[in-house]
PDB file of N, CA and C in Angstrom:
ATOM      1  N   MET A   1      51.174  -2.722 -10.977  1.00  0.00           N
ATOM      2  CA  MET A   1      49.917  -2.225 -10.499  1.00  0.00           C
ATOM      3  C   MET A   1      49.494  -1.686  -9.001  1.00  0.00           C
ATOM      4  N   ARG A   2      49.103  -0.461  -9.197  1.00  0.00           N
ATOM      5  CA  ARG A   2      48.967   0.150  -7.989  1.00  0.00           C
ATOM      6  C   ARG A   2      47.328  -0.160  -7.172  1.00  0.00           C
ATOM      7  N   SER A   3      47.810  -0.497  -5.746  1.00  0.00           N
ATOM      8  CA  SER A   3      46.520  -0.681  -5.069  1.00  0.00           C
ATOM      9  C   SER A   3      45.452   0.478  -4.872  1.00  0.00           C
ATOM     10  N   LEU A   4      44.504   0.246  -4.839  1.00  0.00           N
ATOM     11  CA  LEU A   4      43.450   1.338  -4.433  1.00  0.00           C
ATOM     12  C   LEU A   4      43.450   1.474  -3.019  1.00  0.00           C
ATOM     13  N   PRO A   5      43.520   2.741  -2.719  1.00  0.00           N
ATOM     14  CA  PRO A   5      42.939   3.418  -0.979  1.00  0.00           C
ATOM     15  C   PRO A   5      41.839   2.832  -0.858  1.00  0.00           C
ATOM     16  N   ALA A   6      41.842   2.787   0.516  1.00  0.00           N
ATOM     17  CA  ALA A   6      40.619   1.852   1.438  1.00  0.00           C
ATOM     18  C   ALA A   6      39.515   2.515   1.139  1.00  0.00           C
ATOM     19  N   PHE A   7      39.593   4.091   1.107  1.00  0.00           N
ATOM     20  CA  PHE A   7      38.409   4.748   0.608  1.00  0.00           C
ATOM     21  C   PHE A   7      38.052   4.381  -0.549  1.00  0.00           C
ATOM     22  N   ALA A   8      38.892   4.169  -1.531  1.00  0.00           N
ATOM     23  CA  ALA A   8      37.954   3.976  -2.981  1.00  0.00           C
ATOM     24  C   ALA A   8      37.308   2.672  -2.911  1.00  0.00           C
ATOM     25  N   ILE A   9      37.929   1.484  -2.078  1.00  0.00           N
ATOM     26  CA  ILE A   9      37.557   0.350  -1.946  1.00  0.00           C
ATOM     27  C   ILE A   9      35.990   0.299  -1.239  1.00  0.00           C
ATOM     28  N   ALA A  10      35.875   1.267  -0.450  1.00  0.00           N
ATOM     29  CA  ALA A  10      34.632   1.358   0.275  1.00  0.00           C
ATOM     30  C   ALA A  10      33.609   1.946  -0.418  1.00  0.00           C
ATOM     31  N   ALA A  11      33.955   2.795  -1.320  1.00  0.00           N
ATOM     32  CA  ALA A  11      32.913   3.868  -2.016  1.00  0.00           C
ATOM     33  C   ALA A  11      32.327   2.523  -3.326  1.00  0.00           C
ATOM     34  N   LEU A  12      33.295   1.865  -3.345  1.00  0.00           N
ATOM     35  CA  LEU A  12      32.923   0.808  -4.791  1.00  0.00           C
ATOM     36  C   LEU A  12      32.300   0.112  -3.993  1.00  0.00           C
ATOM     37  N   ALA A  13      32.265  -0.538  -2.999  1.00  0.00           N
ATOM     38  CA  ALA A  13      31.692  -1.529  -2.205  1.00  0.00           C
ATOM     39  C   ALA A  13      30.116  -1.048  -2.074  1.00  0.00           C
ATOM     40  N   LEU A  14      29.980   0.111  -1.654  1.00  0.00           N
ATOM     41  CA  LEU A  14      28.415   0.879  -1.273  1.00  0.00           C
ATOM     42  C   LEU A  14      27.733   1.160  -2.796  1.00  0.00           C
ATOM     43  N   ALA A  15      28.640   1.936  -3.760  1.00  0.00           N
ATOM     44  CA  ALA A  15      28.005   1.801  -4.872  1.00  0.00           C
ATOM     45  C   ALA A  15      27.451   0.637  -5.589  1.00  0.00           C
ATOM     46  N   ALA A  16      28.096  -0.860  -4.929  1.00  0.00           N
ATOM     47  CA  ALA A  16      27.788  -1.921  -5.706  1.00  0.00           C
ATOM     48  C   ALA A  16      26.747  -2.355  -4.779  1.00  0.00           C
ATOM     49  N   GLY A  17      26.622  -2.107  -3.807  1.00  0.00           N
ATOM     50  CA  GLY A  17      25.358  -2.436  -2.803  1.00  0.00           C
ATOM     51  C   GLY A  17      25.899  -3.525  -1.991  1.00  0.00           C
ATOM     52  N   GLY A  18      27.073  -3.512  -1.666  1.00  0.00           N
ATOM     53  CA  GLY A  18      27.761  -4.500  -0.995  1.00  0.00           C
ATOM     54  C   GLY A  18      27.689  -4.133   0.537  1.00  0.00           C
ATOM     55  N   CYS A  19      27.280  -2.873   0.733  1.00  0.00           N
ATOM     56  CA  CYS A  19      27.398  -2.759   2.043  1.00  0.00           C
ATOM     57  C   CYS A  19      26.084  -1.607   2.081  1.00  0.00           C
ATOM     58  N   GLY A  20      25.887  -1.132   3.542  1.00  0.00           N
ATOM     59  CA  GLY A  20      25.188   0.292   3.558  1.00  0.00           C
ATOM     60  C   GLY A  20      23.752  -0.202   4.108  1.00  0.00           C
ATOM     61  N   GLY A  21      23.045   0.815   4.131  1.00  0.00           N
ATOM     62  CA  GLY A  21      21.780   1.394   4.895  1.00  0.00           C
ATOM     63  C   GLY A  21      20.571   0.901   3.760  1.00  0.00           C
ATOM     64  N   ALA A  22      20.384   0.062   2.687  1.00  0.00           N
ATOM     65  CA  ALA A  22      19.471  -0.460   1.995  1.00  0.00           C
ATOM     66  C   ALA A  22      18.560  -1.013   2.445  1.00  0.00           C
ATOM     67  N   ALA A  23      17.260  -1.239   2.724  1.00  0.00           N
ATOM     68  CA  ALA A  23      16.294  -1.550   3.754  1.00  0.00           C
ATOM     69  C   ALA A  23      16.050  -3.217   2.885  1.00  0.00           C
ATOM     70  N   PRO A  24      15.799  -4.269   3.737  1.00  0.00           N
ATOM     71  CA  PRO A  24      15.675  -5.382   2.743  1.00  0.00           C
ATOM     72  C   PRO A  24      14.127  -5.395   2.286  1.00  0.00           C
ATOM     73  N   LYS A  25      14.108  -5.790   1.273  1.00  0.00           N
ATOM     74  CA  LYS A  25      12.755  -6.024   0.439  1.00  0.00           C
ATOM     75  C   LYS A  25      11.414  -6.715   1.233  1.00  0.00           C
ATOM     76  N   THR A  26      10.219  -6.298   1.350  1.00  0.00           N
ATOM     77  CA  THR A  26       9.385  -6.799   2.047  1.00  0.00           C
ATOM     78  C   THR A  26       8.277  -7.082   1.049  1.00  0.00           C
ATOM     79  N   GLU A  27       8.281  -8.536   1.085  1.00  0.00           N
ATOM     80  CA  GLU A  27       7.396  -9.471   0.201  1.00  0.00           C
ATOM     81  C   GLU A  27       5.808  -9.365   0.593  1.00  0.00           C
ATOM     82  N   THR A  28       5.164  -9.290  -0.600  1.00  0.00           N
ATOM     83  CA  THR A  28       3.750  -9.051  -0.424  1.00  0.00           C
ATOM     84  C   THR A  28       3.100 -10.137  -0.960  1.00  0.00           C
ATOM     85  N   LEU A  29       2.359 -10.849  -0.019  1.00  0.00           N
ATOM     86  CA  LEU A  29       1.492 -11.798  -0.325  1.00  0.00           C
ATOM     87  C   LEU A  29      -0.061 -11.974  -0.301  1.00  0.00           C
ATOM     88  N   HIS A  30      -0.805 -12.709  -0.534  1.00  0.00           N
ATOM     89  CA  HIS A  30      -2.464 -12.476  -0.654  1.00  0.00           C
ATOM     90  C   HIS A  30      -3.025 -13.624  -0.425  1.00  0.00           C
ATOM     91  N   GLY A  31      -3.662 -13.145   0.660  1.00  0.00           N
ATOM     92  CA  GLY A  31      -5.048 -14.468   1.267  1.00  0.00           C
ATOM     93  C   GLY A  31      -6.422 -13.997   1.124  1.00  0.00           C
ATOM     94  N   THR A  32      -7.065 -14.459   0.711  1.00  0.00           N
ATOM     95  CA  THR A  32      -8.364 -14.840   0.428  1.00  0.00           C
ATOM     96  C   THR A  32      -9.343 -15.784   1.261  1.00  0.00           C
ATOM     97  N   THR A  33     -10.557 -15.304   1.207  1.00  0.00           N
ATOM     98  CA  THR A  33     -11.602 -16.545   2.010  1.00  0.00           C
ATOM     99  C   THR A  33     -12.713 -15.908   1.612  1.00  0.00           C
ATOM    100  N   GLY A  34     -13.516 -16.964   1.084  1.00  0.00           N
ATOM    101  CA  GLY A  34     -14.806 -16.822   0.434  1.00  0.00           C
ATOM    102  C   GLY A  34     -14.412 -16.356  -0.581  1.00  0.00           C
ATOM    103  N   PRO A  35     -15.993 -16.311  -1.518  1.00  0.00           N
ATOM    104  CA  PRO A  35     -16.971 -17.133  -0.886  1.00  0.00           C
ATOM    105  C   PRO A  35     -17.370 -18.544  -1.429  1.00  0.00           C
ATOM    106  N   GLY A  36     -17.958 -18.630  -0.804  1.00  0.00           N
ATOM    107  CA  GLY A  36     -18.157 -20.426  -0.557  1.00  0.00           C
ATOM    108  C   GLY A  36     -17.064 -20.781   0.098  1.00  0.00           C
ATOM    109  N   PHE A  37     -16.731 -22.138   0.399  1.00  0.00           N
ATOM    110  CA  PHE A  37     -15.836 -22.569   1.317  1.00  0.00           C
ATOM    111  C   PHE A  37     -14.222 -23.024   0.479  1.00  0.00           C
ATOM    112  N   VAL A  38     -13.547 -21.269   0.289  1.00  0.00           N
ATOM    113  CA  VAL A  38     -12.381 -21.340  -0.322  1.00  0.00           C
ATOM    114  C   VAL A  38     -11.698 -20.333   0.484  1.00  0.00           C
ATOM    115  N   ILE A  39     -10.149 -20.610   0.745  1.00  0.00           N
ATOM    116  CA  ILE A  39      -9.036 -20.268   1.012  1.00  0.00           C
ATOM    117  C   ILE A  39      -8.032 -20.301   0.504  1.00  0.00           C
ATOM    118  N   ARG A  40      -7.325 -19.319   0.246  1.00  0.00           N
ATOM    119  CA  ARG A  40      -6.224 -19.378  -0.654  1.00  0.00           C
ATOM    120  C   ARG A  40      -4.694 -18.393  -0.069  1.00  0.00           C
ATOM    121  N   LEU A  41      -3.752 -18.855  -0.136  1.00  0.00           N
ATOM    122  CA  LEU A  41      -2.441 -17.609  -0.067  1.00  0.00           C
ATOM    123  C   LEU A  41      -1.736 -17.853  -0.774  1.00  0.00           C
ATOM    124  N   THR A  42      -1.297 -16.818  -1.959  1.00  0.00           N
ATOM    125  CA  THR A  42      -0.621 -16.852  -3.034  1.00  0.00           C
ATOM    126  C   THR A  42       0.310 -15.661  -2.704  1.00  0.00           C
ATOM    127  N   GLU A  43       1.258 -15.572  -3.751  1.00  0.00           N
ATOM    128  CA  GLU A  43       2.590 -14.677  -4.090  1.00  0.00           C
ATOM    129  C   GLU A  43       2.385 -14.578  -5.658  1.00  0.00           C
ATOM    130  N   GLY A  44       1.886 -13.643  -6.127  1.00  0.00           N
ATOM    131  CA  GLY A  44       1.379 -13.199  -7.434  1.00  0.00           C
ATOM    132  C   GLY A  44       0.118 -14.400  -7.392  1.00  0.00           C
ATOM    133  N   ARG A  45       0.240 -15.072  -8.547  1.00  0.00           N
ATOM    134  CA  ARG A  45      -0.743 -16.020  -8.942  1.00  0.00           C
ATOM    135  C   ARG A  45      -0.400 -17.651  -7.965  1.00  0.00           C
ATOM    136  N   THR A  46       0.816 -17.745  -7.425  1.00  0.00           N
ATOM    137  CA  THR A  46       1.270 -19.251  -7.285  1.00  0.00           C
ATOM    138  C   THR A  46       0.759 -19.422  -5.898  1.00  0.00           C
ATOM    139  N   ARG A  47       0.355 -20.295  -5.485  1.00  0.00           N
ATOM    140  CA  ARG A  47       0.348 -20.751  -4.131  1.00  0.00           C
ATOM    141  C   ARG A  47       1.380 -20.903  -3.512  1.00  0.00           C
ATOM    142  N   VAL A  48       1.224 -20.188  -2.066  1.00  0.00           N
ATOM    143  CA  VAL A  48       2.148 -20.371  -1.178  1.00  0.00           C
ATOM    144  C   VAL A  48       2.751 -21.869  -0.561  1.00  0.00           C
ATOM    145  N   THR A  49       3.861 -22.469  -0.935  1.00  0.00           N
ATOM    146  CA  THR A  49       3.943 -23.839  -0.102  1.00  0.00           C
ATOM    147  C   THR A  49       5.446 -23.616   0.705  1.00  0.00           C
ATOM    148  N   THR A  50       6.406 -22.784   0.268  1.00  0.00           N
ATOM    149  CA  THR A  50       7.635 -22.280   0.779  1.00  0.00           C
ATOM    150  C   THR A  50       8.155 -21.264   0.751  1.00  0.00           C
ATOM    151  N   LEU A  51       8.566 -20.516   1.879  1.00  0.00           N
ATOM    152  CA  LEU A  51       8.928 -19.182   1.926  1.00  0.00           C
ATOM    153  C   LEU A  51      10.460 -19.153   2.333  1.00  0.00           C
ATOM    154  N   ARG A  52      10.995 -17.912   2.323  1.00  0.00           N
ATOM    155  CA  ARG A  52      12.548 -17.635   2.989  1.00  0.00           C
ATOM    156  C   ARG A  52      12.205 -16.928   4.292  1.00  0.00           C
ATOM    157  N   PRO A  53      12.396 -17.038   5.250  1.00  0.00           N
ATOM    158  CA  PRO A  53      12.347 -16.131   6.390  1.00  0.00           C
ATOM    159  C   PRO A  53      12.699 -14.784   5.950  1.00  0.00           C
ATOM    160  N   GLY A  54      11.668 -13.862   6.586  1.00  0.00           N
ATOM    161  CA  GLY A  54      11.844 -12.176   6.776  1.00  0.00           C
ATOM    162  C   GLY A  54      10.595 -11.785   6.655  1.00  0.00           C
ATOM    163  N   SER A  55      10.749 -10.318   6.619  1.00  0.00           N
ATOM    164  CA  SER A  55       9.809  -9.258   6.688  1.00  0.00           C
ATOM    165  C   SER A  55       8.341  -9.541   5.473  1.00  0.00           C
ATOM    166  N   TYR A  56       7.145  -9.837   5.767  1.00  0.00           N
ATOM    167  CA  TYR A  56       6.168  -9.992   4.443  1.00  0.00           C
ATOM    168  C   TYR A  56       5.315  -9.127   4.552  1.00  0.00           C
ATOM    169  N   THR A  57       4.083  -8.562   3.945  1.00  0.00           N
ATOM    170  CA  THR A  57       2.917  -8.189   4.063  1.00  0.00           C
ATOM    171  C   THR A  57       1.843  -8.786   3.433  1.00  0.00           C
ATOM    172  N   ILE A  58       1.015  -8.841   4.219  1.00  0.00           N
ATOM    173  CA  ILE A  58       0.095 -10.062   3.865  1.00  0.00           C
ATOM    174  C   ILE A  58      -1.156  -9.161   3.692  1.00  0.00           C
ATOM    175  N   GLN A  59      -2.073  -9.159   2.746  1.00  0.00           N
ATOM    176  CA  GLN A  59      -3.162  -8.479   2.318  1.00  0.00           C
ATOM    177  C   GLN A  59      -4.094  -9.430   2.072  1.00  0.00           C
ATOM    178  N   VAL A  60      -4.926  -9.540   3.442  1.00  0.00           N
ATOM    179  CA  VAL A  60      -6.078 -10.359   3.083  1.00  0.00           C
ATOM    180  C   VAL A  60      -7.395 -10.066   2.630  1.00  0.00           C
ATOM    181  N   VAL A  61      -8.276 -10.446   1.704  1.00  0.00           N
ATOM    182  CA  VAL A  61      -9.515  -9.968   0.996  1.00  0.00           C
ATOM    183  C   VAL A  61     -10.412 -10.811   1.820  1.00  0.00           C
ATOM    184  N   ASP A  62     -11.354 -10.684   2.915  1.00  0.00           N
ATOM    185  CA  ASP A  62     -12.054 -11.694   3.698  1.00  0.00           C
ATOM    186  C   ASP A  62     -13.754 -11.258   2.945  1.00  0.00           C
ATOM    187  N   ARG A  63     -14.349 -11.980   1.707  1.00  0.00           N
ATOM    188  CA  ARG A  63     -15.466 -11.945   1.138  1.00  0.00           C
ATOM    189  C   ARG A  63     -16.531 -12.377   1.659  1.00  0.00           C
ATOM    190  N   ALA A  64     -16.618 -12.926   2.685  1.00  0.00           N
ATOM    191  CA  ALA A  64     -17.995 -13.848   3.422  1.00  0.00           C
ATOM    192  C   ALA A  64     -17.810 -13.529   5.030  1.00  0.00           C
ATOM    193  N   ALA A  65     -19.188 -13.271   5.539  1.00  0.00           N
ATOM    194  CA  ALA A  65     -19.291 -12.759   6.625  1.00  0.00           C
ATOM    195  C   ALA A  65     -19.448 -14.028   7.914  1.00  0.00           C
ATOM    196  N   ASP A  66     -19.356 -15.504   6.669  1.00  0.00           N
ATOM    197  CA  ASP A  66     -19.284 -16.574   7.721  1.00  0.00           C
ATOM    198  C   ASP A  66     -18.096 -17.057   7.451  1.00  0.00           C
ATOM    199  N   HIS A  67     -17.060 -16.241   7.100  1.00  0.00           N
ATOM    200  CA  HIS A  67     -15.498 -17.230   7.335  1.00  0.00           C
ATOM    201  C   HIS A  67     -14.648 -15.932   7.659  1.00  0.00           C
ATOM    202  N   ASN A  68     -13.638 -16.619   8.378  1.00  0.00           N
ATOM    203  CA  ASN A  68     -12.537 -15.444   8.975  1.00  0.00           C
ATOM    204  C   ASN A  68     -11.014 -16.236   8.002  1.00  0.00           C
ATOM    205  N   PHE A  69     -10.115 -15.032   8.172  1.00  0.00           N
ATOM    206  CA  PHE A  69      -8.698 -15.712   7.625  1.00  0.00           C
ATOM    207  C   PHE A  69      -7.984 -15.566   9.182  1.00  0.00           C
ATOM    208  N   SER A  70      -7.306 -16.899   9.301  1.00  0.00           N
ATOM    209  CA  SER A  70      -6.521 -16.917  10.544  1.00  0.00           C
ATOM    210  C   SER A  70      -4.855 -17.564  10.151  1.00  0.00           C
ATOM    211  N   LEU A  71      -3.984 -16.750  10.461  1.00  0.00           N
ATOM    212  CA  LEU A  71      -2.400 -17.177  10.131  1.00  0.00           C
ATOM    213  C   LEU A  71      -1.804 -17.901  11.724  1.00  0.00           C
ATOM    214  N   VAL A  72      -1.340 -19.039  11.741  1.00  0.00           N
ATOM    215  CA  VAL A  72      -0.712 -19.212  13.053  1.00  0.00           C
ATOM    216  C   VAL A  72       0.666 -19.916  12.887  1.00  0.00           C
ATOM    217  N   GLY A  73       1.349 -19.717  13.127  1.00  0.00           N
ATOM    218  CA  GLY A  73       2.880 -20.409  12.970  1.00  0.00           C
ATOM    219  C   GLY A  73       3.743 -19.662  14.222  1.00  0.00           C
ATOM    220  N   PRO A  74       5.261 -20.136  13.987  1.00  0.00           N
ATOM    221  CA  PRO A  74       6.514 -19.663  14.873  1.00  0.00           C
ATOM    222  C   PRO A  74       6.252 -17.927  15.018  1.00  0.00           C
ATOM    223  N   GLY A  75       5.755 -17.561  16.321  1.00  0.00           N
ATOM    224  CA  GLY A  75       5.969 -16.011  16.680  1.00  0.00           C
ATOM    225  C   GLY A  75       4.727 -15.148  15.770  1.00  0.00           C
ATOM    226  N   VAL A  76       3.739 -15.952  15.104  1.00  0.00           N
ATOM    227  CA  VAL A  76       2.489 -15.247  14.153  1.00  0.00           C
ATOM    228  C   VAL A  76       1.272 -15.633  14.606  1.00  0.00           C
ATOM    229  N   ARG A  77       0.200 -15.078  15.019  1.00  0.00           N
ATOM    230  CA  ARG A  77      -0.966 -15.086  15.485  1.00  0.00           C
ATOM    231  C   ARG A  77      -1.717 -14.149  14.998  1.00  0.00           C
ATOM    232  N   GLU A  78      -2.306 -14.057  13.784  1.00  0.00           N
ATOM    233  CA  GLU A  78      -3.291 -13.218  13.211  1.00  0.00           C
ATOM    234  C   GLU A  78      -4.549 -13.271  12.531  1.00  0.00           C
ATOM    235  N   GLU A  79      -5.679 -12.810  12.503  1.00  0.00           N
ATOM    236  CA  GLU A  79      -6.837 -13.332  12.239  1.00  0.00           C
ATOM    237  C   GLU A  79      -7.848 -12.141  12.252  1.00  0.00           C
ATOM    238  N   THR A  80      -8.615 -12.414  11.203  1.00  0.00           N
ATOM    239  CA  THR A  80     -10.196 -11.613  10.836  1.00  0.00           C
ATOM    240  C   THR A  80     -10.911 -12.167  11.950  1.00  0.00           C
ATOM    241  N   THR A  81     -12.044 -11.289  11.943  1.00  0.00           N
ATOM    242  CA  THR A  81     -13.184 -12.332  12.906  1.00  0.00           C
ATOM    243  C   THR A  81     -14.237 -12.634  11.591  1.00  0.00           C
ATOM    244  N   THR A  82     -15.210 -13.390  11.943  1.00  0.00           N
ATOM    245  CA  THR A  82     -16.109 -13.986  10.912  1.00  0.00           C
ATOM    246  C   THR A  82     -17.106 -12.858  10.421  1.00  0.00           C
ATOM    247  N   ALA A  83     -17.490 -12.012  11.454  1.00  0.00           N
ATOM    248  CA  ALA A  83     -18.060 -10.675  10.995  1.00  0.00           C
ATOM    249  C   ALA A  83     -17.543  -9.583  10.106  1.00  0.00           C
ATOM    250  N   GLN A  84     -16.216  -9.766  10.380  1.00  0.00           N
ATOM    251  CA  GLN A  84     -15.546  -8.923   9.263  1.00  0.00           C
ATOM    252  C   GLN A  84     -15.692  -9.613   7.725  1.00  0.00           C
ATOM    253  N   VAL A  85     -15.729  -7.988   7.032  1.00  0.00           N
ATOM    254  CA  VAL A  85     -16.088  -8.636   5.066  1.00  0.00           C
ATOM    255  C   VAL A  85     -14.721  -7.524   4.976  1.00  0.00           C
ATOM    256  N   GLY A  86     -14.404  -7.625   3.941  1.00  0.00           N
ATOM    257  CA  GLY A  86     -12.957  -6.548   3.516  1.00  0.00           C
ATOM    258  C   GLY A  86     -11.571  -7.073   3.384  1.00  0.00           C
ATOM    259  N   THR A  87     -10.633  -5.833   3.296  1.00  0.00           N
ATOM    260  CA  THR A  87      -9.593  -6.186   2.832  1.00  0.00           C
ATOM    261  C   THR A  87      -8.337  -5.597   3.931  1.00  0.00           C
ATOM    262  N   PHE A  88      -7.459  -6.709   4.800  1.00  0.00           N
ATOM    263  CA  PHE A  88      -6.969  -6.380   5.646  1.00  0.00           C
ATOM    264  C   PHE A  88      -5.187  -6.238   5.571  1.00  0.00           C
ATOM    265  N   THR A  89      -4.478  -5.851   6.344  1.00  0.00           N
ATOM    266  CA  THR A  89      -3.127  -5.924   5.570  1.00  0.00           C
ATOM    267  C   THR A  89      -2.522  -5.934   7.176  1.00  0.00           C
ATOM    268  N   TRP A  90      -1.714  -7.158   7.282  1.00  0.00           N
ATOM    269  CA  TRP A  90      -0.889  -7.525   8.362  1.00  0.00           C
ATOM    270  C   TRP A  90       0.379  -7.125   7.663  1.00  0.00           C
ATOM    271  N   HIS A  91       1.401  -7.019   8.534  1.00  0.00           N
ATOM    272  CA  HIS A  91       2.888  -7.161   8.732  1.00  0.00           C
ATOM    273  C   HIS A  91       3.617  -7.933   9.408  1.00  0.00           C
ATOM    274  N   VAL A  92       4.384  -8.943   8.821  1.00  0.00           N
ATOM    275  CA  VAL A  92       4.591 -10.100   9.866  1.00  0.00           C
ATOM    276  C   VAL A  92       5.873 -10.586   9.486  1.00  0.00           C
ATOM    277  N   ARG A  93       6.965 -10.961  10.456  1.00  0.00           N
ATOM    278  CA  ARG A  93       8.242 -11.311   9.964  1.00  0.00           C
ATOM    279  C   ARG A  93       7.980 -13.339  10.632  1.00  0.00           C
ATOM    280  N   LEU A  94       8.261 -13.922   9.179  1.00  0.00           N
ATOM    281  CA  LEU A  94       8.144 -15.449   9.239  1.00  0.00           C
ATOM    282  C   LEU A  94       9.441 -15.889   9.288  1.00  0.00           C
ATOM    283  N   ARG A  95       9.066 -16.617  10.608  1.00  0.00           N
ATOM    284  CA  ARG A  95      10.770 -17.450  11.009  1.00  0.00           C
ATOM    285  C   ARG A  95      10.719 -19.008  10.843  1.00  0.00           C
ATOM    286  N   LYS A  96      11.880 -19.577  10.762  1.00  0.00           N
ATOM    287  CA  LYS A  96      11.786 -21.226  10.102  1.00  0.00           C
ATOM    288  C   LYS A  96      10.583 -21.826  10.629  1.00  0.00           C
ATOM    289  N   GLY A  97       9.908 -22.867   9.982  1.00  0.00           N
ATOM    290  CA  GLY A  97       8.723 -23.465  10.697  1.00  0.00           C
ATOM    291  C   GLY A  97       7.905 -23.777   9.670  1.00  0.00           C
ATOM    292  N   THR A  98       6.465 -24.310  10.270  1.00  0.00           N
ATOM    293  CA  THR A  98       5.489 -24.561   9.503  1.00  0.00           C
ATOM    294  C   THR A  98       4.431 -23.690   9.835  1.00  0.00           C
ATOM    295  N   TYR A  99       3.683 -22.669   9.101  1.00  0.00           N
ATOM    296  CA  TYR A  99       2.455 -22.013   9.332  1.00  0.00           C
ATOM    297  C   TYR A  99       1.438 -22.627   8.651  1.00  0.00           C
ATOM    298  N   THR A 100       0.333 -22.433   9.323  1.00  0.00           N
ATOM    299  CA  THR A 100      -0.958 -22.820   8.910  1.00  0.00           C
ATOM    300  C   THR A 100      -1.905 -21.384   8.428  1.00  0.00           C
ATOM    301  N   TYR A 101      -2.672 -21.298   7.471  1.00  0.00           N
ATOM    302  CA  TYR A 101      -3.675 -20.577   7.473  1.00  0.00           C
ATOM    303  C   TYR A 101      -4.895 -21.343   7.148  1.00  0.00           C
ATOM    304  N   LEU A 102      -6.154 -20.970   8.120  1.00  0.00           N
ATOM    305  CA  LEU A 102      -7.413 -21.360   7.826  1.00  0.00           C
ATOM    306  C   LEU A 102      -8.748 -20.575   8.111  1.00  0.00           C
ATOM    307  N   CYS A 103      -9.871 -21.130   8.013  1.00  0.00           N
ATOM    308  CA  CYS A 103     -11.089 -20.178   8.440  1.00  0.00           C
ATOM    309  C   CYS A 103     -11.168 -21.199   9.529  1.00  0.00           C
ATOM    310  N   THR A 104     -11.374 -20.409  10.658  1.00  0.00           N
ATOM    311  CA  THR A 104     -11.999 -21.282  12.091  1.00  0.00           C
ATOM    312  C   THR A 104     -13.036 -22.062  12.311  1.00  0.00           C
ATOM    313  N   PRO A 105     -14.072 -21.012  11.903  1.00  0.00           N
ATOM    314  CA  PRO A 105     -15.116 -22.158  12.085  1.00  0.00           C
ATOM    315  C   PRO A 105     -15.358 -23.304  10.935  1.00  0.00           C
ATOM    316  N   HIS A 106     -14.625 -23.080  10.045  1.00  0.00           N
ATOM    317  CA  HIS A 106     -14.758 -24.527   8.954  1.00  0.00           C
ATOM    318  C   HIS A 106     -13.200 -24.781   8.913  1.00  0.00           C
ATOM    319  N   ALA A 107     -12.438 -25.245  10.119  1.00  0.00           N
ATOM    320  CA  ALA A 107     -11.199 -25.750   9.826  1.00  0.00           C
ATOM    321  C   ALA A 107     -10.788 -27.147   9.060  1.00  0.00           C
ATOM    322  N   SER A 108     -11.682 -27.552   9.151  1.00  0.00           N
ATOM    323  CA  SER A 108     -11.865 -29.075   8.589  1.00  0.00           C
ATOM    324  C   SER A 108     -11.739 -29.329   7.091  1.00  0.00           C
ATOM    325  N   ILE A 109     -12.190 -28.255   6.800  1.00  0.00           N
ATOM    326  CA  ILE A 109     -12.283 -28.327   5.012  1.00  0.00           C
ATOM    327  C   ILE A 109     -11.561 -27.254   4.181  1.00  0.00           C
ATOM    328  N   MET A 110     -11.145 -25.784   5.120  1.00  0.00           N
ATOM    329  CA  MET A 110     -10.793 -24.573   4.665  1.00  0.00           C
ATOM    330  C   MET A 110      -9.358 -24.423   5.540  1.00  0.00           C
ATOM    331  N   ARG A 111      -8.229 -25.025   4.880  1.00  0.00           N
ATOM    332  CA  ARG A 111      -6.854 -24.815   5.484  1.00  0.00           C
ATOM    333  C   ARG A 111      -5.750 -24.755   4.547  1.00  0.00           C
ATOM    334  N   GLY A 112      -4.934 -24.499   4.700  1.00  0.00           N
ATOM    335  CA  GLY A 112      -3.549 -24.753   4.070  1.00  0.00           C
ATOM    336  C   GLY A 112      -2.431 -24.311   4.864  1.00  0.00           C
ATOM    337  N   SER A 113      -1.047 -24.999   4.252  1.00  0.00           N
ATOM    338  CA  SER A 113      -0.171 -24.535   5.421  1.00  0.00           C
ATOM    339  C   SER A 113       1.253 -24.079   4.242  1.00  0.00           C
ATOM    340  N   PHE A 114       2.467 -23.905   5.064  1.00  0.00           N
ATOM    341  CA  PHE A 114       3.516 -23.652   3.977  1.00  0.00           C
ATOM    342  C   PHE A 114       4.383 -23.506   4.946  1.00  0.00           C
ATOM    343  N   VAL A 115       5.674 -23.762   4.921  1.00  0.00           N
ATOM    344  CA  VAL A 115       7.065 -24.014   5.157  1.00  0.00           C
ATOM    345  C   VAL A 115       8.029 -22.919   5.018  1.00  0.00           C
ATOM    346  N   VAL A 116       8.253 -22.187   6.161  1.00  0.00           N
ATOM    347  CA  VAL A 116       9.427 -21.526   5.776  1.00  0.00           C
ATOM    348  C   VAL A 116      10.803 -21.885   6.412  1.00  0.00           C
ATOM    349  N   ALA A 117      11.833 -22.044   5.372  1.00  0.00           N
ATOM    350  CA  ALA A 117      12.942 -22.709   5.520  1.00  0.00           C
ATOM    351  C   ALA A 117      13.956 -21.657   5.113  1.00  0.00           C
TER     352      ALA A 117
END
C-alpha cells in the first residue's frame, strides 16, 4: 500500500474540517425581563444553568420601564437601564465562572445565575 503525499493528507484534513479558518459558532441566548416580576435567560426554550466558555450573542427583551436586565460575571458587565424598553443585543465572551443576571431595582426577587465550565 502506498503512502499519501503530505499535500493530499493536508487537503483531506481541510475538507473534513480538521484544520482551517472556519469561525467558531456563536450561540444565541435570550434574556427577558417583565412584565411583572419575571426575569429569564434561555437557550431555545430551556433555562440556562450551565454553558461552555465561548462567544455568545444575547438578545434581551426588556418589557417594562420599571425593570432592567443586568448580566455580571468574569469579564462581563452588561445592562439595560430601567427607562429602556425594547430589544437589545450584546456580544459577550463567557469565561469559566459564575454569572448572575438580575433586575437591579428588584434584585432580591428577580435574579438567576448560571455556571460556565
